[in-house]
């Protein structure tokens, strides 16, 4: 009897031990699998992305800051909580693009347009990212559509995804549509249409930041067309006491074009989008003043940088392809 009790106790302990192990194993396995999947998702969405430029260069998106990743995660969560909310769609696309996911952002906007087919903001932001990946015809088509959709409608301030130091938005929906349409035409060397678009851009707002950004392009376009007197005329709004919040690079360039400051006061080599804007303005100045060799060197200097989605870089790349590549 004693032996039977011991045997029964041994079998009972073994049963519970096996049961506990069987209960724990699936849970541990699921947790590890889930953790691994989460790591893969995080790495996929925040790791470096690559883009092959029209010049055949493999370009890398810089790793985002922790703050930008957190803002992206919030926008993503807001979107998945309410995927048919227009603001959520727009900000999920914008935050995705800020991490370098330009193709992903384009898809987000395209899916949004299936829900809101007549929303100009979706065309405005998708067009921007078409420019980022050098699909200029697609960008033009989006902005032409956006222009039609805003016709006769009130303008509105557009909130910044990357606020300036004063946290004061300086651009509007109408202004951004015309600005980017002008840029897309410019990058296609359709200077007449680009000039018309930038005139409309300058007319959409009265703040000094808007005036200097559009004037910069207006001056360059007419200079490229050889209309130097008309180019100078575009500089009439530029004054020495303008209140600039953000577009200091364009303001300094306009002052340089108007001979209010020297070229030496412009030189920058910081590799930022603002720095690229100045370097492109200088390169272009050499180009339309007949010094193609110096312009080429300046374009190459920009193209050695890392801000390959900046407008200065994209414009330098387009000019280099057109004028210096066989």
Protein backbone atom coordinates (compact mmCIF):
# COMPACT_ATOMS: atom_id res chain seq x y z
CA UNK A 1 0.00 0.00 0.00
CA UNK A 2 2.80 2.34 0.83
CA UNK A 3 4.52 1.54 -2.49
CA UNK A 4 1.30 2.19 -4.38
CA UNK A 5 0.90 5.59 -2.67
CA UNK A 6 4.42 6.59 -3.59
CA UNK A 7 3.89 5.49 -7.19
CA UNK A 8 0.59 7.39 -7.42
CA UNK A 9 2.22 10.53 -5.98
CA UNK A 10 5.10 10.27 -8.47
CA UNK A 11 2.68 9.94 -11.42
CA UNK A 12 0.62 12.90 -10.17
CA UNK A 13 3.68 15.15 -9.88
CA UNK A 14 4.86 14.10 -13.35
CA UNK A 15 1.46 14.87 -14.85
CA UNK A 16 1.33 18.38 -13.40
CA UNK A 17 4.92 19.06 -14.42
CA UNK A 18 4.24 18.07 -18.04
CA UNK A 19 0.99 20.08 -18.04
CA UNK A 20 2.72 23.20 -16.81
CA UNK A 21 5.45 22.85 -19.39
CA UNK A 22 2.90 22.40 -22.14
CA UNK A 23 1.07 25.50 -20.94
CA UNK A 24 4.19 27.63 -20.86
CA UNK A 25 5.86 26.57 -24.10
CA UNK A 26 3.29 27.97 -26.56
CA UNK A 27 3.15 31.24 -24.62
CA UNK A 28 6.94 31.68 -24.70
CA UNK A 29 7.02 30.80 -28.36
CA UNK A 30 4.29 33.29 -29.26
CA UNK A 31 5.93 36.07 -27.27
CA UNK A 32 9.28 35.57 -29.02
CA UNK A 33 7.65 35.42 -32.41
CA UNK A 34 5.64 38.56 -31.74
CA UNK A 35 8.68 40.38 -30.42
CA UNK A 36 10.64 39.37 -33.50
CA UNK A 37 7.87 40.55 -35.82
CA UNK A 38 7.68 43.90 -34.00
CA UNK A 39 11.43 44.34 -34.41
CA UNK A 40 11.18 43.62 -38.13
CA UNK A 41 8.38 46.14 -38.55
CA UNK A 42 10.30 48.80 -36.63
CA UNK A 43 13.48 48.18 -38.63
CA UNK A 44 11.61 48.26 -41.92
CA UNK A 45 9.93 51.56 -41.16
CA UNK A 46 12.84 53.47 -39.64
CA UNK A 47 15.96 51.99 -41.25
CA UNK A 48 17.83 53.66 -44.11
CA UNK A 49 16.05 53.64 -47.44
CA UNK A 50 17.71 53.88 -50.81
CA UNK A 51 17.03 55.79 -54.00
CA UNK A 52 18.86 55.51 -57.30
CA UNK A 53 19.10 58.95 -58.85
CA UNK A 54 18.76 59.73 -62.58
CA UNK A 55 22.56 60.03 -62.55
CA UNK A 56 22.80 56.42 -61.34
CA UNK A 57 23.91 57.32 -57.81
CA UNK A 58 22.64 55.17 -54.94
CA UNK A 59 21.40 57.64 -52.36
CA UNK A 60 20.62 56.88 -48.74
CA UNK A 61 17.99 58.39 -46.49
CA UNK A 62 19.56 59.50 -43.22
CA UNK A 63 18.30 57.77 -40.06
CA UNK A 64 15.48 59.84 -38.53
CA UNK A 65 15.66 61.45 -35.13
CA UNK A 66 13.89 59.85 -32.18
CA UNK A 67 11.42 62.76 -32.17
CA UNK A 68 10.53 62.23 -35.82
CA UNK A 69 9.99 58.52 -35.24
CA UNK A 70 7.66 59.24 -32.31
CA UNK A 71 5.66 61.73 -34.37
CA UNK A 72 5.43 59.16 -37.13
CA UNK A 73 4.24 56.47 -34.71
CA UNK A 74 1.51 58.78 -33.40
CA UNK A 75 0.36 59.67 -36.92
CA UNK A 76 0.32 55.98 -37.85
CA UNK A 77 -1.72 55.08 -34.77
CA UNK A 78 -4.17 57.92 -35.42
CA UNK A 79 -4.58 56.70 -38.97
CA UNK A 80 -5.20 53.07 -38.01
CA UNK A 81 -7.70 54.18 -35.37
CA UNK A 82 -9.61 56.30 -37.91
CA UNK A 83 -8.39 55.45 -41.45
CA UNK A 84 -11.08 57.47 -43.22
CA UNK A 85 -10.32 60.71 -41.41
CA UNK A 86 -8.82 63.17 -43.93
CA UNK A 87 -6.41 64.80 -41.47
CA UNK A 88 -5.16 61.40 -40.36
CA UNK A 89 -4.49 60.38 -43.96
CA UNK A 90 -2.61 63.60 -44.69
CA UNK A 91 -0.44 63.46 -41.58
CA UNK A 92 0.29 59.77 -41.87
CA UNK A 93 1.52 60.46 -45.40
CA UNK A 94 3.55 63.47 -44.34
CA UNK A 95 5.19 61.73 -41.40
CA UNK A 96 5.96 58.72 -43.57
CA UNK A 97 7.64 60.97 -46.13
CA UNK A 98 9.70 62.70 -43.42
CA UNK A 99 11.24 59.30 -42.65
CA UNK A 100 12.16 58.92 -46.32
CA UNK A 101 9.28 56.64 -47.27
CA UNK A 102 8.35 58.62 -50.37
CA UNK A 103 6.82 55.71 -52.29
CA UNK A 104 4.88 54.66 -49.20
CA UNK A 105 3.62 58.23 -48.75
CA UNK A 106 2.48 58.37 -52.36
CA UNK A 107 0.49 55.18 -51.83
CA UNK A 108 -1.11 56.61 -48.67
CA UNK A 109 -2.23 59.71 -50.60
CA UNK A 110 -3.40 57.63 -53.56
CA UNK A 111 -5.51 55.45 -51.27
CA UNK A 112 -6.85 58.61 -49.65
CA UNK A 113 -7.91 59.95 -53.04
CA UNK A 114 -10.13 56.91 -53.48
CA UNK A 115 -12.09 58.20 -50.48
CA UNK A 116 -11.66 61.94 -51.15
CA UNK A 117 -11.24 62.24 -54.95
CA UNK A 118 -11.70 66.01 -54.97
CA UNK A 119 -9.40 66.92 -52.08
CA UNK A 120 -6.69 69.35 -53.28
CA UNK A 121 -4.49 68.74 -50.23
CA UNK A 122 -3.98 65.12 -51.18
CA UNK A 123 -2.88 66.13 -54.68
CA UNK A 124 -0.66 68.85 -53.20
CA UNK A 125 1.22 66.43 -50.92
CA UNK A 126 1.37 63.57 -53.41
CA UNK A 127 2.76 65.94 -56.03
CA UNK A 128 5.52 67.00 -53.63
CA UNK A 129 6.62 63.41 -53.19
CA UNK A 130 6.52 62.76 -56.91
CA UNK A 131 9.09 65.56 -57.15
CA UNK A 132 11.15 63.86 -54.44
CA UNK A 133 11.42 60.69 -56.56
CA UNK A 134 11.90 62.68 -59.81
CA UNK A 135 8.52 61.91 -61.38
CA UNK A 136 7.96 65.45 -62.60
CA UNK A 137 5.18 64.71 -65.10
CA UNK A 138 3.14 63.00 -62.40
CA UNK A 139 3.76 65.96 -60.08
CA UNK A 140 2.59 68.42 -62.72
CA UNK A 141 -0.58 66.39 -63.32
CA UNK A 142 -1.36 66.43 -59.59
CA UNK A 143 -0.81 70.16 -59.22
CA UNK A 144 -2.80 71.04 -62.31
CA UNK A 145 -5.65 69.04 -60.79
CA UNK A 146 -5.17 70.79 -57.44
CA UNK A 147 -5.27 74.22 -59.12
CA UNK A 148 -8.67 73.40 -60.59
CA UNK A 149 -9.95 72.18 -57.22
CA UNK A 150 -8.97 75.37 -55.34
CA UNK A 151 -10.41 77.71 -57.96
CA UNK A 152 -12.87 80.10 -56.33
CA UNK A 153 -12.20 78.73 -52.83
CA UNK A 154 -10.78 80.55 -49.83
CA UNK A 155 -7.11 80.05 -49.10
CA UNK A 156 -5.98 78.49 -45.80
CA UNK A 157 -2.81 78.42 -43.74
CA UNK A 158 -0.99 75.12 -44.00
CA UNK A 159 0.47 73.77 -40.78
CA UNK A 160 4.17 72.96 -40.87
CA UNK A 161 5.30 69.39 -40.37
CA UNK A 162 8.72 70.72 -39.37
CA UNK A 163 7.89 73.99 -37.55
CA UNK A 164 10.28 76.93 -37.61
CA UNK A 165 11.84 78.34 -34.43
CA UNK A 166 8.90 80.69 -33.84
CA UNK A 167 6.35 77.95 -34.59
CA UNK A 168 4.59 80.32 -36.99
CA UNK A 169 3.35 78.72 -40.24
CA UNK A 170 4.46 80.81 -43.21
CA UNK A 171 2.76 79.06 -46.11
CA UNK A 172 -0.75 78.46 -47.41
CA UNK A 173 -2.44 75.70 -49.36
CA UNK A 174 -2.82 77.82 -52.51
CA UNK A 175 0.72 79.13 -52.23
CA UNK A 176 2.20 75.66 -51.85
CA UNK A 177 0.24 74.31 -54.81
CA UNK A 178 1.46 77.11 -57.10
CA UNK A 179 5.00 76.94 -55.68
CA UNK A 180 5.42 73.23 -56.31
CA UNK A 181 3.74 73.42 -59.71
CA UNK A 182 6.23 76.13 -60.65
CA UNK A 183 9.09 73.98 -59.42
CA UNK A 184 7.91 70.92 -61.36
CA UNK A 185 7.67 72.98 -64.56
CA UNK A 186 11.09 74.48 -63.85
CA UNK A 187 12.63 71.04 -63.45
CA UNK A 188 11.19 70.12 -66.85
CA UNK A 189 12.72 73.31 -68.32
CA UNK A 190 9.26 74.67 -69.10
CA UNK A 191 10.24 78.12 -67.91
CA UNK A 192 7.26 80.05 -69.26
CA UNK A 193 4.76 77.93 -67.31
CA UNK A 194 7.04 77.93 -64.28
CA UNK A 195 7.15 81.73 -64.34
CA UNK A 196 3.35 81.98 -64.51
CA UNK A 197 2.97 79.57 -61.59
CA UNK A 198 5.43 81.50 -59.40
CA UNK A 199 3.66 84.77 -60.17
CA UNK A 200 0.47 83.17 -58.89
CA UNK A 201 2.37 81.88 -55.89
CA UNK A 202 3.64 85.35 -55.01
CA UNK A 203 0.11 86.71 -55.31
CA UNK A 204 -1.31 84.23 -52.78
CA UNK A 205 0.31 85.72 -49.69
CA UNK A 206 1.65 88.96 -48.35
CA UNK A 207 4.15 87.69 -45.77
CA UNK A 208 7.80 88.35 -46.57
CA UNK A 209 8.77 84.68 -46.53
CA UNK A 210 6.36 83.98 -49.38
CA UNK A 211 7.61 86.98 -51.33
CA UNK A 212 11.31 86.07 -51.16
CA UNK A 213 10.81 82.37 -51.98
CA UNK A 214 8.76 83.04 -55.10
CA UNK A 215 10.88 86.05 -56.16
CA UNK A 216 14.03 83.90 -56.09
CA UNK A 217 12.55 81.55 -58.70
CA UNK A 218 11.00 84.36 -60.74
CA UNK A 219 14.38 86.05 -61.03
CA UNK A 220 16.19 82.85 -61.97
CA UNK A 221 13.61 81.89 -64.59
CA UNK A 222 13.82 85.18 -66.47
CA UNK A 223 17.61 85.13 -66.16
CA UNK A 224 17.66 81.64 -67.68
CA UNK A 225 15.46 82.91 -70.50
CA UNK A 226 17.93 85.75 -71.13
CA UNK A 227 15.43 88.44 -70.12
CA UNK A 228 17.75 90.23 -67.72
CA UNK A 229 15.78 93.46 -67.44
CA UNK A 230 12.58 91.56 -66.67
CA UNK A 231 14.54 89.47 -64.19
CA UNK A 232 15.69 92.63 -62.37
CA UNK A 233 12.10 93.87 -62.32
CA UNK A 234 11.11 90.83 -60.27
CA UNK A 235 13.36 92.07 -57.46
CA UNK A 236 11.33 95.24 -56.85
CA UNK A 237 9.64 93.84 -53.69
CA UNK A 238 12.99 93.01 -52.06
CA UNK A 239 13.90 95.40 -49.24
CA UNK A 240 16.58 95.50 -46.58
CA UNK A 241 14.07 95.51 -43.72
CA UNK A 242 12.00 92.44 -44.60
CA UNK A 243 10.79 90.32 -41.68
CA UNK A 244 11.92 86.80 -42.56
CA UNK A 245 10.98 83.92 -40.27
CA UNK A 246 12.19 80.93 -42.23
CA UNK A 247 13.33 81.53 -45.82
CA UNK A 248 16.62 83.25 -45.01
CA UNK A 249 18.47 81.46 -47.82
CA UNK A 250 16.07 82.78 -50.46
CA UNK A 251 16.17 86.24 -48.91
CA UNK A 252 19.96 86.37 -49.01
CA UNK A 253 19.95 85.18 -52.61
CA UNK A 254 17.46 87.87 -53.61
CA UNK A 255 19.63 90.49 -51.91
CA UNK A 256 22.62 89.12 -53.80
CA UNK A 257 20.73 89.28 -57.11
CA UNK A 258 19.85 92.89 -56.30
CA UNK A 259 23.52 93.63 -55.42
CA UNK A 260 22.68 94.43 -51.82
CA UNK A 261 25.24 91.88 -50.57
CA UNK A 262 28.25 90.15 -52.12
CA UNK A 263 28.65 86.53 -53.14
CA UNK A 264 31.15 85.98 -50.32
CA UNK A 265 28.38 86.70 -47.83
CA UNK A 266 26.35 83.87 -49.37
CA UNK A 267 28.78 80.99 -49.39
CA UNK A 268 27.61 78.04 -47.36
CA UNK A 269 28.82 74.48 -47.17
CA UNK A 270 26.64 72.99 -44.43
CA UNK A 271 24.94 70.31 -46.54
CA UNK A 272 21.42 71.27 -45.46
CA UNK A 273 18.45 71.95 -47.78
CA UNK A 274 18.88 75.67 -47.06
CA UNK A 275 22.57 75.40 -47.90
CA UNK A 276 21.74 73.59 -51.14
CA UNK A 277 19.30 76.36 -52.06
CA UNK A 278 22.06 78.97 -51.76
CA UNK A 279 24.62 76.84 -53.57
CA UNK A 280 22.16 76.21 -56.39
CA UNK A 281 21.38 79.92 -56.68
CA UNK A 282 25.12 80.63 -57.01
CA UNK A 283 25.65 77.81 -59.53
CA UNK A 284 22.72 79.04 -61.59
CA UNK A 285 24.04 82.61 -61.45
CA UNK A 286 27.31 81.42 -63.00
CA UNK A 287 25.39 79.43 -65.60
CA UNK A 288 23.16 82.22 -66.93
CA UNK A 289 26.07 84.66 -66.81
CA UNK A 290 28.03 82.50 -69.21
CA UNK A 291 30.44 80.66 -66.90
CA UNK A 292 29.34 77.09 -67.58
CA UNK A 293 32.52 75.54 -66.23
CA UNK A 294 32.14 77.16 -62.82
CA UNK A 295 28.45 76.31 -62.81
CA UNK A 296 29.33 72.67 -63.47
CA UNK A 297 31.72 72.62 -60.51
CA UNK A 298 29.05 74.13 -58.28
CA UNK A 299 26.43 71.61 -59.42
CA UNK A 300 28.87 68.79 -58.71
CA UNK A 301 29.51 70.17 -55.23
CA UNK A 302 25.77 70.04 -54.49
CA UNK A 303 25.48 66.53 -55.90
CA UNK A 304 28.20 65.32 -53.54
CA UNK A 305 25.96 66.23 -50.61
CA UNK A 306 23.40 64.12 -48.82
CA UNK A 307 20.24 66.25 -48.98
CA UNK A 308 19.14 64.62 -52.21
CA UNK A 309 15.45 65.45 -51.79
CA UNK A 310 16.10 69.17 -51.28
CA UNK A 311 14.92 71.39 -54.12
CA UNK A 312 18.42 72.78 -54.62
CA UNK A 313 19.79 69.28 -55.08
CA UNK A 314 16.97 68.18 -57.41
CA UNK A 315 17.36 71.33 -59.53
CA UNK A 316 21.16 70.93 -59.71
CA UNK A 317 20.68 67.31 -60.78
CA UNK A 318 18.20 68.28 -63.50
CA UNK A 319 20.50 71.01 -64.85
CA UNK A 320 23.54 68.74 -64.74
CA UNK A 321 21.69 66.04 -66.69
CA UNK A 322 20.52 68.50 -69.32
CA UNK A 323 23.72 70.47 -69.87
CA UNK A 324 26.67 68.33 -68.79
CA UNK A 325 25.77 64.69 -69.47
CA UNK A 326 26.09 63.33 -73.01
